[in-house]
N, C-alpha and C. Protein backbone atom coordinates (compact mmCIF):
# COMPACT_ATOMS: atom_id res chain seq x y z
N MET A 1 -25.33 110.75 96.54
CA MET A 1 -24.05 111.20 97.01
C MET A 1 -23.45 112.21 96.04
N ASP A 2 -23.63 111.98 94.74
CA ASP A 2 -23.07 112.90 93.75
C ASP A 2 -23.73 114.27 93.84
N ILE A 3 -25.02 114.31 94.11
CA ILE A 3 -25.72 115.58 94.22
C ILE A 3 -25.22 116.35 95.44
N LEU A 4 -25.04 115.65 96.55
CA LEU A 4 -24.52 116.30 97.75
C LEU A 4 -23.12 116.85 97.51
N TRP A 5 -22.27 116.05 96.86
CA TRP A 5 -20.91 116.50 96.56
C TRP A 5 -20.93 117.72 95.64
N THR A 6 -21.79 117.70 94.65
CA THR A 6 -21.91 118.84 93.73
C THR A 6 -22.35 120.09 94.47
N LEU A 7 -23.30 119.96 95.38
CA LEU A 7 -23.76 121.12 96.13
C LEU A 7 -22.69 121.66 97.07
N LEU A 8 -21.94 120.75 97.69
CA LEU A 8 -20.90 121.19 98.61
C LEU A 8 -19.73 121.86 97.91
N THR A 9 -19.42 121.43 96.70
CA THR A 9 -18.28 121.99 95.97
C THR A 9 -18.69 123.07 94.97
N LEU A 10 -19.94 123.44 94.93
CA LEU A 10 -20.41 124.45 94.00
C LEU A 10 -19.69 125.79 94.15
N PRO A 11 -19.38 126.25 95.34
CA PRO A 11 -18.65 127.52 95.45
C PRO A 11 -17.27 127.50 94.79
N TYR A 12 -16.70 126.33 94.60
CA TYR A 12 -15.38 126.23 93.98
C TYR A 12 -15.45 126.07 92.46
N ALA A 13 -16.62 126.09 91.88
CA ALA A 13 -16.77 125.92 90.43
C ALA A 13 -16.00 126.98 89.64
N PRO A 14 -16.04 128.26 90.02
CA PRO A 14 -15.26 129.24 89.25
C PRO A 14 -13.76 128.95 89.27
N VAL A 15 -13.27 128.46 90.39
CA VAL A 15 -11.84 128.15 90.48
C VAL A 15 -11.51 126.98 89.56
N ARG A 16 -12.36 125.96 89.54
CA ARG A 16 -12.14 124.82 88.65
C ARG A 16 -12.20 125.26 87.19
N GLY A 17 -13.14 126.14 86.87
CA GLY A 17 -13.25 126.65 85.50
C GLY A 17 -12.04 127.46 85.09
N LEU A 18 -11.56 128.31 85.99
CA LEU A 18 -10.38 129.12 85.70
C LEU A 18 -9.15 128.23 85.54
N THR A 19 -9.04 127.21 86.36
CA THR A 19 -7.91 126.28 86.24
C THR A 19 -7.92 125.58 84.89
N ALA A 20 -9.09 125.13 84.46
CA ALA A 20 -9.20 124.47 83.17
C ALA A 20 -8.84 125.43 82.03
N LEU A 21 -9.28 126.69 82.15
CA LEU A 21 -8.97 127.68 81.13
C LEU A 21 -7.48 127.97 81.06
N VAL A 22 -6.82 128.08 82.20
CA VAL A 22 -5.38 128.32 82.22
C VAL A 22 -4.64 127.15 81.59
N LYS A 23 -5.08 125.93 81.84
CA LYS A 23 -4.43 124.76 81.24
C LYS A 23 -4.56 124.78 79.72
N VAL A 24 -5.73 125.16 79.22
CA VAL A 24 -5.94 125.22 77.78
C VAL A 24 -5.05 126.29 77.16
N VAL A 25 -4.99 127.46 77.79
CA VAL A 25 -4.17 128.55 77.26
C VAL A 25 -2.70 128.17 77.28
N ALA A 26 -2.24 127.55 78.35
CA ALA A 26 -0.83 127.13 78.44
C ALA A 26 -0.50 126.09 77.39
N ARG A 27 -1.40 125.14 77.16
CA ARG A 27 -1.17 124.12 76.15
C ARG A 27 -1.09 124.73 74.75
N GLU A 28 -1.98 125.68 74.47
CA GLU A 28 -1.97 126.35 73.16
C GLU A 28 -0.70 127.18 72.99
N ALA A 29 -0.28 127.89 74.03
CA ALA A 29 0.94 128.70 73.95
C ALA A 29 2.16 127.81 73.70
N GLU A 30 2.20 126.67 74.35
CA GLU A 30 3.32 125.76 74.15
C GLU A 30 3.32 125.20 72.73
N SER A 31 2.15 124.85 72.22
CA SER A 31 2.10 124.32 70.85
C SER A 31 2.49 125.39 69.84
N GLN A 32 2.13 126.65 70.08
CA GLN A 32 2.53 127.74 69.19
C GLN A 32 4.04 127.98 69.27
N GLN A 33 4.60 127.86 70.46
CA GLN A 33 6.02 128.11 70.65
C GLN A 33 6.87 127.08 69.92
N TYR A 34 6.42 125.84 69.85
CA TYR A 34 7.20 124.78 69.23
C TYR A 34 6.68 124.40 67.85
N ASN A 35 5.76 125.18 67.29
CA ASN A 35 5.21 124.93 65.96
C ASN A 35 6.30 125.21 64.92
N PRO A 36 6.62 124.25 64.06
CA PRO A 36 7.67 124.45 63.06
C PRO A 36 7.40 125.63 62.12
N VAL A 37 6.16 125.90 61.81
CA VAL A 37 5.83 127.03 60.94
C VAL A 37 6.21 128.34 61.61
N ASN A 38 5.90 128.50 62.88
CA ASN A 38 6.24 129.72 63.61
C ASN A 38 7.74 129.88 63.77
N ILE A 39 8.44 128.79 64.00
CA ILE A 39 9.89 128.85 64.15
C ILE A 39 10.54 129.29 62.84
N ARG A 40 10.08 128.70 61.75
CA ARG A 40 10.62 129.09 60.44
C ARG A 40 10.35 130.56 60.16
N ARG A 41 9.14 131.02 60.51
CA ARG A 41 8.78 132.42 60.31
C ARG A 41 9.70 133.35 61.12
N GLU A 42 9.99 132.98 62.35
CA GLU A 42 10.88 133.80 63.18
C GLU A 42 12.29 133.87 62.58
N LEU A 43 12.77 132.73 62.10
CA LEU A 43 14.11 132.72 61.51
C LEU A 43 14.14 133.54 60.21
N GLU A 44 13.08 133.45 59.42
CA GLU A 44 13.02 134.24 58.18
C GLU A 44 12.93 135.73 58.47
N GLU A 45 12.19 136.10 59.52
CA GLU A 45 12.11 137.51 59.89
C GLU A 45 13.47 138.05 60.33
N LEU A 46 14.23 137.23 61.05
CA LEU A 46 15.57 137.64 61.44
C LEU A 46 16.46 137.84 60.22
N ASP A 47 16.36 136.92 59.26
CA ASP A 47 17.16 137.05 58.04
C ASP A 47 16.76 138.29 57.24
N ARG A 48 15.44 138.54 57.13
CA ARG A 48 14.96 139.73 56.41
C ARG A 48 15.43 141.02 57.08
N ALA A 49 15.34 141.06 58.40
CA ALA A 49 15.77 142.26 59.12
C ALA A 49 17.26 142.50 58.95
N ALA A 50 18.05 141.42 58.93
CA ALA A 50 19.49 141.57 58.74
C ALA A 50 19.80 142.02 57.31
N ALA A 51 19.06 141.48 56.33
CA ALA A 51 19.28 141.86 54.94
C ALA A 51 18.87 143.32 54.70
N ALA A 52 17.84 143.79 55.41
CA ALA A 52 17.38 145.18 55.25
C ALA A 52 18.26 146.15 56.03
N GLY A 53 19.12 145.64 56.89
CA GLY A 53 19.99 146.49 57.68
C GLY A 53 19.36 146.98 58.97
N ASP A 54 18.23 146.44 59.34
CA ASP A 54 17.57 146.83 60.59
C ASP A 54 18.33 146.32 61.81
N ILE A 55 18.94 145.15 61.67
CA ILE A 55 19.73 144.58 62.76
C ILE A 55 21.08 144.17 62.20
N THR A 56 22.06 144.04 63.06
CA THR A 56 23.40 143.62 62.63
C THR A 56 23.44 142.11 62.50
N PRO A 57 24.42 141.59 61.77
CA PRO A 57 24.54 140.13 61.68
C PRO A 57 24.73 139.47 63.04
N GLU A 58 25.38 140.16 63.97
CA GLU A 58 25.57 139.60 65.31
C GLU A 58 24.23 139.48 66.04
N GLU A 59 23.38 140.50 65.88
CA GLU A 59 22.05 140.44 66.50
C GLU A 59 21.22 139.33 65.87
N ARG A 60 21.35 139.16 64.56
CA ARG A 60 20.64 138.07 63.89
C ARG A 60 21.11 136.72 64.43
N ASP A 61 22.42 136.57 64.58
CA ASP A 61 22.96 135.31 65.11
C ASP A 61 22.46 135.04 66.53
N ARG A 62 22.42 136.10 67.36
CA ARG A 62 21.90 135.94 68.73
C ARG A 62 20.43 135.54 68.71
N GLY A 63 19.66 136.17 67.83
CA GLY A 63 18.23 135.83 67.73
C GLY A 63 18.03 134.39 67.27
N GLN A 64 18.82 133.97 66.28
CA GLN A 64 18.74 132.58 65.82
C GLN A 64 19.13 131.61 66.93
N GLN A 65 20.15 131.98 67.68
CA GLN A 65 20.57 131.11 68.78
C GLN A 65 19.49 131.01 69.85
N GLN A 66 18.79 132.11 70.13
CA GLN A 66 17.70 132.07 71.10
C GLN A 66 16.59 131.14 70.65
N VAL A 67 16.25 131.21 69.35
CA VAL A 67 15.20 130.33 68.82
C VAL A 67 15.65 128.87 68.93
N LEU A 68 16.88 128.59 68.56
CA LEU A 68 17.37 127.22 68.63
C LEU A 68 17.50 126.73 70.07
N ASP A 69 17.90 127.62 70.98
CA ASP A 69 17.97 127.24 72.39
C ASP A 69 16.59 126.88 72.93
N ARG A 70 15.59 127.63 72.51
CA ARG A 70 14.22 127.35 72.94
C ARG A 70 13.79 125.97 72.48
N LEU A 71 14.26 125.55 71.30
CA LEU A 71 13.89 124.23 70.79
C LEU A 71 14.64 123.11 71.48
N THR A 72 15.89 123.35 71.81
CA THR A 72 16.70 122.26 72.37
C THR A 72 16.64 122.18 73.88
N ARG A 73 16.22 123.26 74.55
CA ARG A 73 16.13 123.25 76.01
C ARG A 73 14.91 122.42 76.42
N PRO A 74 15.07 121.50 77.36
CA PRO A 74 13.91 120.71 77.78
C PRO A 74 12.88 121.59 78.48
N ALA A 75 11.64 121.44 78.09
CA ALA A 75 10.56 122.21 78.70
C ALA A 75 10.10 121.52 79.97
N ALA A 76 9.27 122.20 80.74
CA ALA A 76 8.72 121.60 81.95
C ALA A 76 7.86 120.41 81.56
N GLY A 77 8.11 119.28 82.17
CA GLY A 77 7.34 118.08 81.84
C GLY A 77 7.84 117.39 80.60
N ALA A 78 9.07 117.71 80.14
CA ALA A 78 9.59 117.13 78.91
C ALA A 78 9.99 115.67 79.10
N ASP A 79 10.07 115.18 80.34
CA ASP A 79 10.45 113.80 80.57
C ASP A 79 9.32 112.85 80.23
N ARG A 80 8.13 113.41 79.96
CA ARG A 80 6.99 112.59 79.59
C ARG A 80 6.59 112.89 78.16
N THR A 81 5.90 111.97 77.54
CA THR A 81 5.42 112.20 76.19
C THR A 81 4.22 113.14 76.24
N PRO A 82 3.84 113.78 75.11
CA PRO A 82 2.70 114.70 75.14
C PRO A 82 1.41 114.05 75.63
N SER A 83 1.16 112.78 75.28
CA SER A 83 -0.06 112.14 75.74
C SER A 83 -0.04 111.92 77.25
N GLN A 84 1.15 111.69 77.82
CA GLN A 84 1.25 111.52 79.26
C GLN A 84 1.07 112.86 79.96
N ARG A 85 1.55 113.99 79.34
CA ARG A 85 1.37 115.30 79.95
C ARG A 85 -0.11 115.66 80.02
N GLU A 86 -0.86 115.30 78.98
CA GLU A 86 -2.29 115.61 78.98
C GLU A 86 -3.04 114.76 79.98
N ALA A 87 -2.53 113.56 80.23
CA ALA A 87 -3.22 112.64 81.15
C ALA A 87 -3.07 113.07 82.60
N GLY A 88 -2.09 113.93 82.89
CA GLY A 88 -1.92 114.40 84.25
C GLY A 88 -0.72 113.74 84.91
N PRO A 89 -0.53 114.00 86.18
CA PRO A 89 0.63 113.46 86.87
C PRO A 89 0.55 111.95 87.02
N ARG A 90 1.70 111.33 87.00
CA ARG A 90 1.75 109.88 87.16
C ARG A 90 1.63 109.53 88.63
N ARG A 91 0.94 108.46 88.89
CA ARG A 91 0.81 107.99 90.27
C ARG A 91 1.74 106.81 90.46
N PRO A 92 2.36 106.72 91.62
CA PRO A 92 3.25 105.57 91.85
C PRO A 92 2.43 104.29 91.94
N ALA A 93 3.05 103.22 91.51
CA ALA A 93 2.39 101.92 91.58
C ALA A 93 2.24 101.51 93.03
N PRO A 94 1.15 100.84 93.36
CA PRO A 94 0.98 100.41 94.76
C PRO A 94 2.04 99.39 95.12
N ALA A 95 2.47 99.45 96.38
CA ALA A 95 3.50 98.53 96.85
C ALA A 95 2.92 97.13 96.96
N ARG A 96 3.72 96.17 96.57
CA ARG A 96 3.27 94.78 96.67
C ARG A 96 3.63 94.24 98.04
N ARG A 97 2.72 93.51 98.59
CA ARG A 97 2.96 92.93 99.91
C ARG A 97 3.00 91.42 99.77
N GLY A 98 3.99 90.86 100.36
CA GLY A 98 4.09 89.40 100.34
C GLY A 98 3.18 88.80 101.39
N THR A 99 2.70 87.59 101.13
CA THR A 99 1.81 86.95 102.09
C THR A 99 2.57 86.05 103.05
N ALA A 100 3.79 85.72 102.72
CA ALA A 100 4.54 84.82 103.60
C ALA A 100 4.92 85.55 104.87
N GLY A 101 4.39 85.13 105.98
CA GLY A 101 4.72 85.71 107.26
C GLY A 101 3.97 86.98 107.56
N GLY A 102 3.14 87.46 106.67
CA GLY A 102 2.39 88.69 106.89
C GLY A 102 1.11 88.43 107.65
N ARG A 103 0.41 89.46 108.04
CA ARG A 103 -0.82 89.31 108.81
C ARG A 103 -1.89 88.61 108.00
N ARG A 104 -1.97 88.92 106.73
CA ARG A 104 -3.02 88.28 105.92
C ARG A 104 -2.82 86.78 105.84
N GLY A 105 -1.58 86.37 105.63
CA GLY A 105 -1.31 84.93 105.54
C GLY A 105 -1.61 84.24 106.84
N ALA A 106 -1.27 84.88 107.95
CA ALA A 106 -1.51 84.27 109.26
C ALA A 106 -3.00 84.19 109.52
N ALA A 107 -3.75 85.19 109.09
CA ALA A 107 -5.20 85.18 109.33
C ALA A 107 -5.86 84.06 108.54
N ARG A 108 -5.39 83.83 107.34
CA ARG A 108 -5.98 82.77 106.53
C ARG A 108 -5.67 81.39 107.13
N ARG A 109 -4.47 81.23 107.62
CA ARG A 109 -4.09 79.95 108.19
C ARG A 109 -4.86 79.69 109.48
N GLY A 110 -5.15 80.74 110.23
CA GLY A 110 -5.81 80.57 111.51
C GLY A 110 -7.27 80.23 111.38
N ARG A 111 -7.85 80.35 110.22
CA ARG A 111 -9.28 80.08 110.05
C ARG A 111 -9.56 78.64 109.68
N GLY A 112 -8.70 77.81 109.95
CA GLY A 112 -8.96 76.39 109.74
C GLY A 112 -8.56 75.92 108.37
N GLY A 113 -7.69 76.56 107.71
CA GLY A 113 -7.29 76.19 106.36
C GLY A 113 -6.08 75.31 106.29
N GLY A 114 -5.48 74.63 106.94
CA GLY A 114 -4.27 73.88 106.65
C GLY A 114 -3.03 74.54 107.21
N PRO A 115 -1.85 73.98 106.85
CA PRO A 115 -0.60 74.44 107.49
C PRO A 115 -0.15 75.80 107.09
């Protein structure tokens, strides 16, 4: 069965490969965006540019605020922990069915099992 499934889905292999590649690139971009070393570097570059007179103090403040906003704004999927984001979407728990008065309970009782 696995061989048949592989043969039937073989034309979609490039799409699956591209999807996996996009996920890896997105994960790496996100880790670079929130990397403390990169954030510190951006803030230091803003301070250097302001000290050199390349930008005004107001522009430096706006740039710093943008960096801080990026850190404090919730990202897509931020309601889950990083390990849960890598694991994929959460599936809802299956609904529990009671046996009292249900079809299964009635079927068991009807097979000669007691009251």
